């Protein structure tokens, strides 16, 4: 993911959750459906449906938190109350 893709990335997809659990998983997910997974690598770590759904919730919460933080920094920028450190952080998100 590039920083410019931050806002448009689907951080809650099934494949994102699987890869967050096992970054080298070899898997095909049809229609982003947790019940339509083909494990190319035979799922050697036995990732369960529940593991995937729990990770998906975790990723969504983290993503929402980052979006809220960026919105807060944008608001501070608009009213000239942003610190230099916060401005550098905002620029990292913006790319």
C-alpha atoms as a PDB file:
ATOM      1  CA  UNK A   1       0.000   0.000   0.000  1.00  0.00           C
ATOM      2  CA  UNK A   2       1.313   3.418  -0.856  1.00  0.00           C
ATOM      3  CA  UNK A   3       0.483   6.350   1.366  1.00  0.00           C
ATOM      4  CA  UNK A   4      -1.671   7.798  -1.417  1.00  0.00           C
ATOM      5  CA  UNK A   5      -3.859   4.691  -1.296  1.00  0.00           C
ATOM      6  CA  UNK A   6      -4.520   5.089   2.441  1.00  0.00           C
ATOM      7  CA  UNK A   7      -8.080   6.423   2.105  1.00  0.00           C
ATOM      8  CA  UNK A   8      -9.181   4.062  -0.669  1.00  0.00           C
ATOM      9  CA  UNK A   9      -7.758   0.793   0.634  1.00  0.00           C
ATOM     10  CA  UNK A  10     -10.237  -1.805   1.826  1.00  0.00           C
ATOM     11  CA  UNK A  11      -8.610  -2.644   5.143  1.00  0.00           C
ATOM     12  CA  UNK A  12     -11.395  -5.011   6.080  1.00  0.00           C
ATOM     13  CA  UNK A  13     -11.348  -7.448   3.172  1.00  0.00           C
ATOM     14  CA  UNK A  14     -11.159 -11.168   3.849  1.00  0.00           C
ATOM     15  CA  UNK A  15      -7.811 -11.415   2.043  1.00  0.00           C
ATOM     16  CA  UNK A  16      -6.374  -8.554   4.145  1.00  0.00           C
ATOM     17  CA  UNK A  17      -7.439 -10.362   7.311  1.00  0.00           C
ATOM     18  CA  UNK A  18      -5.902 -13.638   6.140  1.00  0.00           C
ATOM     19  CA  UNK A  19      -2.641 -11.952   5.148  1.00  0.00           C
ATOM     20  CA  UNK A  20      -2.524 -10.149   8.487  1.00  0.00           C
ATOM     21  CA  UNK A  21      -2.745 -13.550  10.169  1.00  0.00           C
ATOM     22  CA  UNK A  22      -0.202 -15.199   7.855  1.00  0.00           C
ATOM     23  CA  UNK A  23       1.612 -12.895   5.457  1.00  0.00           C
ATOM     24  CA  UNK A  24       2.688 -15.692   3.131  1.00  0.00           C
ATOM     25  CA  UNK A  25      -0.690 -17.426   2.902  1.00  0.00           C
ATOM     26  CA  UNK A  26      -1.521 -18.771  -0.537  1.00  0.00           C
ATOM     27  CA  UNK A  27      -5.240 -18.326  -0.857  1.00  0.00           C
ATOM     28  CA  UNK A  28      -7.993 -17.369  -3.274  1.00  0.00           C
ATOM     29  CA  UNK A  29     -11.089 -15.613  -1.945  1.00  0.00           C
ATOM     30  CA  UNK A  30     -14.137 -15.364  -4.178  1.00  0.00           C
ATOM     31  CA  UNK A  31     -16.401 -12.325  -3.828  1.00  0.00           C
ATOM     32  CA  UNK A  32     -14.689 -11.315  -0.555  1.00  0.00           C
ATOM     33  CA  UNK A  33     -16.708 -14.076   1.123  1.00  0.00           C
ATOM     34  CA  UNK A  34     -15.260 -15.889   4.136  1.00  0.00           C
ATOM     35  CA  UNK A  35     -17.172 -19.001   3.070  1.00  0.00           C
ATOM     36  CA  UNK A  36     -15.628 -18.991  -0.420  1.00  0.00           C
ATOM     37  CA  UNK A  37     -11.937 -19.480   0.386  1.00  0.00           C
ATOM     38  CA  UNK A  38      -9.661 -21.821  -1.535  1.00  0.00           C
ATOM     39  CA  UNK A  39      -6.462 -22.519   0.370  1.00  0.00           C
ATOM     40  CA  UNK A  40      -3.788 -23.022  -2.286  1.00  0.00           C
ATOM     41  CA  UNK A  41      -1.287 -23.895   0.453  1.00  0.00           C
ATOM     42  CA  UNK A  42      -3.772 -26.194   2.286  1.00  0.00           C
ATOM     43  CA  UNK A  43      -3.906 -23.765   5.247  1.00  0.00           C
ATOM     44  CA  UNK A  44      -0.913 -25.222   7.140  1.00  0.00           C
ATOM     45  CA  UNK A  45      -1.506 -23.067  10.232  1.00  0.00           C
ATOM     46  CA  UNK A  46      -5.203 -23.985  10.394  1.00  0.00           C
ATOM     47  CA  UNK A  47      -6.576 -20.457  10.226  1.00  0.00           C
ATOM     48  CA  UNK A  48     -10.254 -20.692  11.091  1.00  0.00           C
ATOM     49  CA  UNK A  49     -13.259 -18.751   9.866  1.00  0.00           C
ATOM     50  CA  UNK A  50     -13.500 -17.235  13.369  1.00  0.00           C
ATOM     51  CA  UNK A  51      -9.813 -16.193  13.274  1.00  0.00           C
ATOM     52  CA  UNK A  52     -10.423 -14.398   9.978  1.00  0.00           C
ATOM     53  CA  UNK A  53     -13.565 -12.613  11.156  1.00  0.00           C
ATOM     54  CA  UNK A  54     -11.909 -11.532  14.422  1.00  0.00           C
ATOM     55  CA  UNK A  55      -8.884 -10.166  12.549  1.00  0.00           C
ATOM     56  CA  UNK A  56     -11.227  -8.374  10.148  1.00  0.00           C
ATOM     57  CA  UNK A  57     -12.889  -6.586  13.097  1.00  0.00           C
ATOM     58  CA  UNK A  58      -9.461  -5.685  14.516  1.00  0.00           C
ATOM     59  CA  UNK A  59      -8.256  -4.293  11.173  1.00  0.00           C
ATOM     60  CA  UNK A  60     -11.455  -2.279  10.711  1.00  0.00           C
ATOM     61  CA  UNK A  61     -11.052  -0.704  14.164  1.00  0.00           C
ATOM     62  CA  UNK A  62      -7.410   0.191  13.472  1.00  0.00           C
ATOM     63  CA  UNK A  63      -8.299   1.628  10.056  1.00  0.00           C
ATOM     64  CA  UNK A  64     -11.165   3.696  11.491  1.00  0.00           C
ATOM     65  CA  UNK A  65      -8.839   5.021  14.197  1.00  0.00           C
ATOM     66  CA  UNK A  66      -6.278   6.127  11.599  1.00  0.00           C
ATOM     67  CA  UNK A  67      -8.976   7.834   9.524  1.00  0.00           C
ATOM     68  CA  UNK A  68     -10.235   9.688  12.609  1.00  0.00           C
ATOM     69  CA  UNK A  69      -6.685  10.736  13.504  1.00  0.00           C
ATOM     70  CA  UNK A  70      -6.122  12.125   9.997  1.00  0.00           C
ATOM     71  CA  UNK A  71      -9.426  14.026  10.232  1.00  0.00           C
ATOM     72  CA  UNK A  72      -8.295  15.519  13.537  1.00  0.00           C
ATOM     73  CA  UNK A  73      -4.976  16.585  12.008  1.00  0.00           C
ATOM     74  CA  UNK A  74      -6.799  18.085   9.007  1.00  0.00           C
ATOM     75  CA  UNK A  75      -8.989  20.123  11.350  1.00  0.00           C
ATOM     76  CA  UNK A  76      -5.940  21.368  13.239  1.00  0.00           C
ATOM     77  CA  UNK A  77      -4.324  22.323   9.954  1.00  0.00           C
ATOM     78  CA  UNK A  78      -7.428  24.265   8.914  1.00  0.00           C
ATOM     79  CA  UNK A  79      -7.460  26.339  12.092  1.00  0.00           C
ATOM     80  CA  UNK A  80      -3.672  26.811  12.221  1.00  0.00           C
ATOM     81  CA  UNK A  81      -3.269  24.941  15.515  1.00  0.00           C
ATOM     82  CA  UNK A  82      -1.207  22.071  14.132  1.00  0.00           C
ATOM     83  CA  UNK A  83       2.288  21.488  15.493  1.00  0.00           C
ATOM     84  CA  UNK A  84       5.263  20.852  13.256  1.00  0.00           C
ATOM     85  CA  UNK A  85       5.400  17.214  14.402  1.00  0.00           C
ATOM     86  CA  UNK A  86       1.706  16.743  13.612  1.00  0.00           C
ATOM     87  CA  UNK A  87       2.177  18.376  10.224  1.00  0.00           C
ATOM     88  CA  UNK A  88       4.996  15.946   9.388  1.00  0.00           C
ATOM     89  CA  UNK A  89       2.750  13.065  10.448  1.00  0.00           C
ATOM     90  CA  UNK A  90      -0.097  14.330   8.262  1.00  0.00           C
ATOM     91  CA  UNK A  91       2.260  14.657   5.304  1.00  0.00           C
ATOM     92  CA  UNK A  92       3.323  11.006   5.756  1.00  0.00           C
ATOM     93  CA  UNK A  93      -0.331   9.989   5.411  1.00  0.00           C
ATOM     94  CA  UNK A  94      -0.824  12.191   2.374  1.00  0.00           C
ATOM     95  CA  UNK A  95       2.261  10.880   0.589  1.00  0.00           C
END
